[in-house]
Amino acid sequence: GYVLPARIIQLIADLGNVSVQISVDGMEETHN
């Protein structure tokens, strides 16, 4: 989820049968 251009996000939404799993490893300082 670090670099997801707006055009890719919109494409995912338009396709309709694509879900997304994103990794987040804690709050801001920990994740960074």
PDB file of all heavy atoms in Angstrom:
ATOM      1  N   GLY A   1       0.788  -1.228   0.000  1.00  0.00           N
ATOM      2  CA  GLY A   1       0.000   0.000   0.000  1.00  0.00           C
ATOM      3  C   GLY A   1       0.816   1.270   0.000  1.00  0.00           C
ATOM      4  O   GLY A   1       0.262   2.367   0.146  1.00  0.00           O
ATOM      5  N   TYR A   2       2.121   1.146  -0.177  1.00  0.00           N
ATOM      6  CA  TYR A   2       3.005   2.308  -0.074  1.00  0.00           C
ATOM      7  C   TYR A   2       2.880   3.215  -1.296  1.00  0.00           C
ATOM      8  O   TYR A   2       2.784   4.438  -1.172  1.00  0.00           O
ATOM      9  CB  TYR A   2       4.446   1.820   0.105  1.00  0.00           C
ATOM     10  CG  TYR A   2       5.475   2.903   0.290  1.00  0.00           C
ATOM     11  CD1 TYR A   2       5.336   3.873   1.276  1.00  0.00           C
ATOM     12  CD2 TYR A   2       6.621   2.940  -0.509  1.00  0.00           C
ATOM     13  CE1 TYR A   2       6.298   4.855   1.456  1.00  0.00           C
ATOM     14  CE2 TYR A   2       7.587   3.912  -0.336  1.00  0.00           C
ATOM     15  CZ  TYR A   2       7.419   4.873   0.648  1.00  0.00           C
ATOM     16  OH  TYR A   2       8.370   5.842   0.821  1.00  0.00           O
ATOM     17  N   VAL A   3       2.878   2.608  -2.480  1.00  0.00           N
ATOM     18  CA  VAL A   3       2.727   3.368  -3.713  1.00  0.00           C
ATOM     19  C   VAL A   3       1.579   2.761  -4.514  1.00  0.00           C
ATOM     20  O   VAL A   3       1.739   1.721  -5.153  1.00  0.00           O
ATOM     21  CB  VAL A   3       4.021   3.365  -4.554  1.00  0.00           C
ATOM     22  CG1 VAL A   3       3.800   4.141  -5.844  1.00  0.00           C
ATOM     23  CG2 VAL A   3       5.178   3.965  -3.762  1.00  0.00           C
ATOM     24  N   LEU A   4       0.422   3.394  -4.454  1.00  0.00           N
ATOM     25  CA  LEU A   4      -0.739   2.967  -5.237  1.00  0.00           C
ATOM     26  C   LEU A   4      -1.255   4.187  -5.996  1.00  0.00           C
ATOM     27  O   LEU A   4      -2.005   4.998  -5.448  1.00  0.00           O
ATOM     28  CB  LEU A   4      -1.839   2.406  -4.335  1.00  0.00           C
ATOM     29  CG  LEU A   4      -1.707   0.956  -3.863  1.00  0.00           C
ATOM     30  CD1 LEU A   4      -2.884   0.586  -2.973  1.00  0.00           C
ATOM     31  CD2 LEU A   4      -1.627   0.005  -5.050  1.00  0.00           C
ATOM     32  N   PRO A   5      -0.857   4.340  -7.252  1.00  0.00           N
ATOM     33  CA  PRO A   5      -1.307   5.494  -8.023  1.00  0.00           C
ATOM     34  C   PRO A   5      -2.833   5.550  -8.109  1.00  0.00           C
ATOM     35  O   PRO A   5      -3.502   4.507  -8.064  1.00  0.00           O
ATOM     36  CB  PRO A   5      -0.688   5.248  -9.403  1.00  0.00           C
ATOM     37  CG  PRO A   5       0.461   4.324  -9.158  1.00  0.00           C
ATOM     38  CD  PRO A   5       0.045   3.462  -8.020  1.00  0.00           C
ATOM     39  N   ALA A   6      -3.354   6.745  -8.252  1.00  0.00           N
ATOM     40  CA  ALA A   6      -4.802   6.921  -8.321  1.00  0.00           C
ATOM     41  C   ALA A   6      -5.409   6.115  -9.462  1.00  0.00           C
ATOM     42  O   ALA A   6      -6.517   5.578  -9.340  1.00  0.00           O
ATOM     43  CB  ALA A   6      -5.128   8.408  -8.487  1.00  0.00           C
ATOM     44  N   ARG A   7      -4.680   5.994 -10.580  1.00  0.00           N
ATOM     45  CA  ARG A   7      -5.229   5.247 -11.722  1.00  0.00           C
ATOM     46  C   ARG A   7      -5.363   3.761 -11.398  1.00  0.00           C
ATOM     47  O   ARG A   7      -6.293   3.098 -11.882  1.00  0.00           O
ATOM     48  CB  ARG A   7      -4.341   5.438 -12.953  1.00  0.00           C
ATOM     49  CG  ARG A   7      -2.892   5.022 -12.749  1.00  0.00           C
ATOM     50  CD  ARG A   7      -2.016   5.278 -13.963  1.00  0.00           C
ATOM     51  NE  ARG A   7      -0.623   4.982 -13.710  1.00  0.00           N
ATOM     52  CZ  ARG A   7      -0.102   3.759 -13.713  1.00  0.00           C
ATOM     53  NH1 ARG A   7      -0.892   2.725 -13.990  1.00  0.00           N
ATOM     54  NH2 ARG A   7       1.176   3.573 -13.459  1.00  0.00           N
ATOM     55  N   ILE A   8      -4.464   3.217 -10.574  1.00  0.00           N
ATOM     56  CA  ILE A   8      -4.557   1.810 -10.181  1.00  0.00           C
ATOM     57  C   ILE A   8      -5.707   1.623  -9.199  1.00  0.00           C
ATOM     58  O   ILE A   8      -6.468   0.648  -9.274  1.00  0.00           O
ATOM     59  CB  ILE A   8      -3.232   1.309  -9.586  1.00  0.00           C
ATOM     60  CG1 ILE A   8      -2.128   1.319 -10.648  1.00  0.00           C
ATOM     61  CG2 ILE A   8      -3.396  -0.076  -8.983  1.00  0.00           C
ATOM     62  CD1 ILE A   8      -2.395   0.371 -11.814  1.00  0.00           C
ATOM     63  N   ILE A   9      -5.837   2.536  -8.260  1.00  0.00           N
ATOM     64  CA  ILE A   9      -6.942   2.468  -7.305  1.00  0.00           C
ATOM     65  C   ILE A   9      -8.273   2.514  -8.033  1.00  0.00           C
ATOM     66  O   ILE A   9      -9.195   1.739  -7.751  1.00  0.00           O
ATOM     67  CB  ILE A   9      -6.835   3.608  -6.276  1.00  0.00           C
ATOM     68  CG1 ILE A   9      -5.628   3.377  -5.365  1.00  0.00           C
ATOM     69  CG2 ILE A   9      -8.114   3.721  -5.455  1.00  0.00           C
ATOM     70  CD1 ILE A   9      -5.369   4.492  -4.371  1.00  0.00           C
ATOM     71  N   GLN A  10      -8.391   3.414  -9.024  1.00  0.00           N
ATOM     72  CA  GLN A  10      -9.636   3.518  -9.774  1.00  0.00           C
ATOM     73  C   GLN A  10      -9.876   2.258 -10.611  1.00  0.00           C
ATOM     74  O   GLN A  10     -11.021   1.790 -10.737  1.00  0.00           O
ATOM     75  CB  GLN A  10      -9.608   4.746 -10.689  1.00  0.00           C
ATOM     76  CG  GLN A  10     -10.947   5.056 -11.343  1.00  0.00           C
ATOM     77  CD  GLN A  10     -12.043   5.290 -10.313  1.00  0.00           C
ATOM     78  OE1 GLN A  10     -11.901   6.118  -9.415  1.00  0.00           O
ATOM     79  NE2 GLN A  10     -13.147   4.556 -10.438  1.00  0.00           N
ATOM     80  N   LEU A  11      -8.826   1.698 -11.174  1.00  0.00           N
ATOM     81  CA  LEU A  11      -8.960   0.465 -11.950  1.00  0.00           C
ATOM     82  C   LEU A  11      -9.482  -0.663 -11.067  1.00  0.00           C
ATOM     83  O   LEU A  11     -10.392  -1.408 -11.468  1.00  0.00           O
ATOM     84  CB  LEU A  11      -7.613   0.080 -12.554  1.00  0.00           C
ATOM     85  CG  LEU A  11      -7.562  -1.286 -13.261  1.00  0.00           C
ATOM     86  CD1 LEU A  11      -8.515  -1.311 -14.450  1.00  0.00           C
ATOM     87  CD2 LEU A  11      -6.134  -1.608 -13.699  1.00  0.00           C
ATOM     88  N   ILE A  12      -8.930  -0.794  -9.883  1.00  0.00           N
ATOM     89  CA  ILE A  12      -9.382  -1.831  -8.956  1.00  0.00           C
ATOM     90  C   ILE A  12     -10.866  -1.661  -8.665  1.00  0.00           C
ATOM     91  O   ILE A  12     -11.643  -2.631  -8.672  1.00  0.00           O
ATOM     92  CB  ILE A  12      -8.560  -1.784  -7.654  1.00  0.00           C
ATOM     93  CG1 ILE A  12      -7.104  -2.189  -7.925  1.00  0.00           C
ATOM     94  CG2 ILE A  12      -9.173  -2.672  -6.584  1.00  0.00           C
ATOM     95  CD1 ILE A  12      -6.169  -1.936  -6.759  1.00  0.00           C
ATOM     96  N   ALA A  13     -11.268  -0.434  -8.424  1.00  0.00           N
ATOM     97  CA  ALA A  13     -12.679  -0.165  -8.142  1.00  0.00           C
ATOM     98  C   ALA A  13     -13.553  -0.496  -9.350  1.00  0.00           C
ATOM     99  O   ALA A  13     -14.635  -1.069  -9.211  1.00  0.00           O
ATOM    100  CB  ALA A  13     -12.859   1.294  -7.735  1.00  0.00           C
ATOM    101  N   ASP A  14     -13.100  -0.139 -10.539  1.00  0.00           N
ATOM    102  CA  ASP A  14     -13.894  -0.369 -11.751  1.00  0.00           C
ATOM    103  C   ASP A  14     -14.047  -1.852 -12.069  1.00  0.00           C
ATOM    104  O   ASP A  14     -15.089  -2.284 -12.587  1.00  0.00           O
ATOM    105  CB  ASP A  14     -13.252   0.344 -12.942  1.00  0.00           C
ATOM    106  CG  ASP A  14     -13.332   1.857 -12.844  1.00  0.00           C
ATOM    107  OD1 ASP A  14     -14.168   2.359 -12.067  1.00  0.00           O
ATOM    108  OD2 ASP A  14     -12.549   2.538 -13.538  1.00  0.00           O
ATOM    109  N   LEU A  15     -13.037  -2.654 -11.759  1.00  0.00           N
ATOM    110  CA  LEU A  15     -13.096  -4.081 -12.080  1.00  0.00           C
ATOM    111  C   LEU A  15     -14.172  -4.796 -11.271  1.00  0.00           C
ATOM    112  O   LEU A  15     -14.825  -5.716 -11.763  1.00  0.00           O
ATOM    113  CB  LEU A  15     -11.733  -4.734 -11.848  1.00  0.00           C
ATOM    114  CG  LEU A  15     -10.638  -4.307 -12.829  1.00  0.00           C
ATOM    115  CD1 LEU A  15      -9.291  -4.898 -12.425  1.00  0.00           C
ATOM    116  CD2 LEU A  15     -10.986  -4.715 -14.258  1.00  0.00           C
ATOM    117  N   GLY A  16     -14.339  -4.407 -10.021  1.00  0.00           N
ATOM    118  CA  GLY A  16     -15.473  -4.894  -9.252  1.00  0.00           C
ATOM    119  C   GLY A  16     -15.284  -6.198  -8.502  1.00  0.00           C
ATOM    120  O   GLY A  16     -16.006  -6.453  -7.529  1.00  0.00           O
ATOM    121  N   ASN A  17     -14.364  -7.057  -8.915  1.00  0.00           N
ATOM    122  CA  ASN A  17     -14.173  -8.340  -8.222  1.00  0.00           C
ATOM    123  C   ASN A  17     -12.765  -8.491  -7.659  1.00  0.00           C
ATOM    124  O   ASN A  17     -12.280  -9.595  -7.447  1.00  0.00           O
ATOM    125  CB  ASN A  17     -14.477  -9.509  -9.158  1.00  0.00           C
ATOM    126  CG  ASN A  17     -13.518  -9.580 -10.340  1.00  0.00           C
ATOM    127  OD1 ASN A  17     -12.908  -8.585 -10.719  1.00  0.00           O
ATOM    128  ND2 ASN A  17     -13.396 -10.755 -10.934  1.00  0.00           N
ATOM    129  N   VAL A  18     -12.120  -7.350  -7.400  1.00  0.00           N
ATOM    130  CA  VAL A  18     -10.771  -7.355  -6.830  1.00  0.00           C
ATOM    131  C   VAL A  18     -10.824  -6.760  -5.427  1.00  0.00           C
ATOM    132  O   VAL A  18     -11.276  -5.630  -5.242  1.00  0.00           O
ATOM    133  CB  VAL A  18      -9.781  -6.542  -7.689  1.00  0.00           C
ATOM    134  CG1 VAL A  18      -8.399  -6.539  -7.049  1.00  0.00           C
ATOM    135  CG2 VAL A  18      -9.723  -7.088  -9.111  1.00  0.00           C
ATOM    136  N   SER A  19     -10.396  -7.538  -4.443  1.00  0.00           N
ATOM    137  CA  SER A  19     -10.238  -7.015  -3.091  1.00  0.00           C
ATOM    138  C   SER A  19      -8.749  -6.815  -2.820  1.00  0.00           C
ATOM    139  O   SER A  19      -7.900  -7.319  -3.558  1.00  0.00           O
ATOM    140  CB  SER A  19     -10.856  -7.965  -2.061  1.00  0.00           C
ATOM    141  OG  SER A  19     -10.249  -9.239  -2.128  1.00  0.00           O
ATOM    142  N   VAL A  20      -8.450  -6.090  -1.762  1.00  0.00           N
ATOM    143  CA  VAL A  20      -7.051  -5.720  -1.499  1.00  0.00           C
ATOM    144  C   VAL A  20      -6.696  -6.061  -0.059  1.00  0.00           C
ATOM    145  O   VAL A  20      -7.475  -5.784   0.865  1.00  0.00           O
ATOM    146  CB  VAL A  20      -6.825  -4.215  -1.751  1.00  0.00           C
ATOM    147  CG1 VAL A  20      -5.378  -3.832  -1.444  1.00  0.00           C
ATOM    148  CG2 VAL A  20      -7.174  -3.853  -3.197  1.00  0.00           C
ATOM    149  N   GLN A  21      -5.538  -6.679   0.127  1.00  0.00           N
ATOM    150  CA  GLN A  21      -5.004  -6.892   1.475  1.00  0.00           C
ATOM    151  C   GLN A  21      -3.710  -6.111   1.614  1.00  0.00           C
ATOM    152  O   GLN A  21      -2.805  -6.230   0.788  1.00  0.00           O
ATOM    153  CB  GLN A  21      -4.749  -8.361   1.779  1.00  0.00           C
ATOM    154  CG  GLN A  21      -4.136  -8.550   3.168  1.00  0.00           C
ATOM    155  CD  GLN A  21      -4.268  -9.944   3.710  1.00  0.00           C
ATOM    156  OE1 GLN A  21      -5.337 -10.537   3.659  1.00  0.00           O
ATOM    157  NE2 GLN A  21      -3.183 -10.493   4.239  1.00  0.00           N
ATOM    158  N   ILE A  22      -3.648  -5.306   2.662  1.00  0.00           N
ATOM    159  CA  ILE A  22      -2.517  -4.410   2.898  1.00  0.00           C
ATOM    160  C   ILE A  22      -1.907  -4.707   4.261  1.00  0.00           C
ATOM    161  O   ILE A  22      -2.624  -4.969   5.233  1.00  0.00           O
ATOM    162  CB  ILE A  22      -2.971  -2.934   2.814  1.00  0.00           C
ATOM    163  CG1 ILE A  22      -3.412  -2.603   1.382  1.00  0.00           C
ATOM    164  CG2 ILE A  22      -1.864  -1.990   3.262  1.00  0.00           C
ATOM    165  CD1 ILE A  22      -3.946  -1.193   1.200  1.00  0.00           C
ATOM    166  N   SER A  23      -0.605  -4.661   4.341  1.00  0.00           N
ATOM    167  CA  SER A  23       0.098  -4.905   5.597  1.00  0.00           C
ATOM    168  C   SER A  23       0.374  -3.586   6.307  1.00  0.00           C
ATOM    169  O   SER A  23       0.911  -2.648   5.716  1.00  0.00           O
ATOM    170  CB  SER A  23       1.427  -5.626   5.338  1.00  0.00           C
ATOM    171  OG  SER A  23       1.215  -6.863   4.695  1.00  0.00           O
ATOM    172  N   VAL A  24       0.002  -3.525   7.577  1.00  0.00           N
ATOM    173  CA  VAL A  24       0.322  -2.380   8.430  1.00  0.00           C
ATOM    174  C   VAL A  24       0.917  -2.951   9.711  1.00  0.00           C
ATOM    175  O   VAL A  24       0.299  -3.794  10.366  1.00  0.00           O
ATOM    176  CB  VAL A  24      -0.917  -1.524   8.743  1.00  0.00           C
ATOM    177  CG1 VAL A  24      -0.533  -0.345   9.630  1.00  0.00           C
ATOM    178  CG2 VAL A  24      -1.576  -1.031   7.457  1.00  0.00           C
ATOM    179  N   ASP A  25       2.089  -2.507  10.089  1.00  0.00           N
ATOM    180  CA  ASP A  25       2.836  -3.170  11.158  1.00  0.00           C
ATOM    181  C   ASP A  25       2.847  -2.415  12.478  1.00  0.00           C
ATOM    182  O   ASP A  25       3.733  -2.623  13.311  1.00  0.00           O
ATOM    183  CB  ASP A  25       4.275  -3.412  10.699  1.00  0.00           C
ATOM    184  CG  ASP A  25       4.325  -4.385   9.532  1.00  0.00           C
ATOM    185  OD1 ASP A  25       3.577  -5.378   9.564  1.00  0.00           O
ATOM    186  OD2 ASP A  25       5.083  -4.143   8.580  1.00  0.00           O
ATOM    187  N   GLY A  26       1.868  -1.553  12.680  1.00  0.00           N
ATOM    188  CA  GLY A  26       1.779  -0.801  13.924  1.00  0.00           C
ATOM    189  C   GLY A  26       1.368   0.626  13.617  1.00  0.00           C
ATOM    190  O   GLY A  26       1.049   0.973  12.474  1.00  0.00           O
ATOM    191  N   MET A  27       1.385   1.477  14.638  1.00  0.00           N
ATOM    192  CA  MET A  27       1.093   2.880  14.414  1.00  0.00           C
ATOM    193  C   MET A  27       2.294   3.545  13.730  1.00  0.00           C
ATOM    194  O   MET A  27       3.274   2.883  13.390  1.00  0.00           O
ATOM    195  CB  MET A  27       0.744   3.551  15.744  1.00  0.00           C
ATOM    196  CG  MET A  27      -0.549   3.006  16.366  1.00  0.00           C
ATOM    197  SD  MET A  27      -2.011   3.140  15.271  1.00  0.00           S
ATOM    198  CE  MET A  27      -2.242   4.932  15.261  1.00  0.00           C
ATOM    199  N   GLU A  28       2.231   4.845  13.526  1.00  0.00           N
ATOM    200  CA  GLU A  28       3.110   5.521  12.579  1.00  0.00           C
ATOM    201  C   GLU A  28       4.596   5.262  12.803  1.00  0.00           C
ATOM    202  O   GLU A  28       5.302   4.831  11.884  1.00  0.00           O
ATOM    203  CB  GLU A  28       2.831   7.024  12.600  1.00  0.00           C
ATOM    204  CG  GLU A  28       3.610   7.780  11.535  1.00  0.00           C
ATOM    205  CD  GLU A  28       3.084   9.186  11.324  1.00  0.00           C
ATOM    206  OE1 GLU A  28       2.184   9.621  12.083  1.00  0.00           O
ATOM    207  OE2 GLU A  28       3.564   9.853  10.382  1.00  0.00           O
ATOM    208  N   GLU A  29       5.098   5.526  13.993  1.00  0.00           N
ATOM    209  CA  GLU A  29       6.545   5.389  14.212  1.00  0.00           C
ATOM    210  C   GLU A  29       7.005   3.943  14.023  1.00  0.00           C
ATOM    211  O   GLU A  29       8.036   3.675  13.395  1.00  0.00           O
ATOM    212  CB  GLU A  29       6.890   5.883  15.626  1.00  0.00           C
ATOM    213  CG  GLU A  29       8.385   5.993  15.910  1.00  0.00           C
ATOM    214  CD  GLU A  29       9.000   4.668  16.346  1.00  0.00           C
ATOM    215  OE1 GLU A  29       8.264   3.852  16.950  1.00  0.00           O
ATOM    216  OE2 GLU A  29      10.200   4.440  16.067  1.00  0.00           O
ATOM    217  N   THR A  30       6.226   3.017  14.561  1.00  0.00           N
ATOM    218  CA  THR A  30       6.580   1.597  14.458  1.00  0.00           C
ATOM    219  C   THR A  30       6.539   1.121  13.016  1.00  0.00           C
ATOM    220  O   THR A  30       7.466   0.452  12.527  1.00  0.00           O
ATOM    221  CB  THR A  30       5.625   0.743  15.318  1.00  0.00           C
ATOM    222  OG1 THR A  30       5.712   1.158  16.675  1.00  0.00           O
ATOM    223  CG2 THR A  30       5.957  -0.740  15.214  1.00  0.00           C
ATOM    224  N   HIS A  31       5.468   1.466  12.319  1.00  0.00           N
ATOM    225  CA  HIS A  31       5.325   1.032  10.924  1.00  0.00           C
ATOM    226  C   HIS A  31       6.444   1.600  10.054  1.00  0.00           C
ATOM    227  O   HIS A  31       7.051   0.869   9.254  1.00  0.00           O
ATOM    228  CB  HIS A  31       3.963   1.481  10.386  1.00  0.00           C
ATOM    229  CG  HIS A  31       3.713   1.081   8.963  1.00  0.00           C
ATOM    230  ND1 HIS A  31       3.265  -0.173   8.595  1.00  0.00           N
ATOM    231  CD2 HIS A  31       3.860   1.770   7.792  1.00  0.00           C
ATOM    232  CE1 HIS A  31       3.142  -0.246   7.281  1.00  0.00           C
ATOM    233  NE2 HIS A  31       3.489   0.919   6.776  1.00  0.00           N
ATOM    234  N   ASN A  32       6.737   2.873  10.197  1.00  0.00           N
ATOM    235  CA  ASN A  32       7.781   3.492   9.373  1.00  0.00           C
ATOM    236  C   ASN A  32       9.153   2.862   9.635  1.00  0.00           C
ATOM    237  O   ASN A  32       9.932   2.632   8.698  1.00  0.00           O
ATOM    238  CB  ASN A  32       7.851   4.996   9.651  1.00  0.00           C
ATOM    239  CG  ASN A  32       6.657   5.747   9.089  1.00  0.00           C
ATOM    240  OD1 ASN A  32       5.896   5.209   8.285  1.00  0.00           O
ATOM    241  ND2 ASN A  32       6.470   6.980   9.515  1.00  0.00           N
TER     242      ASN A  32
END
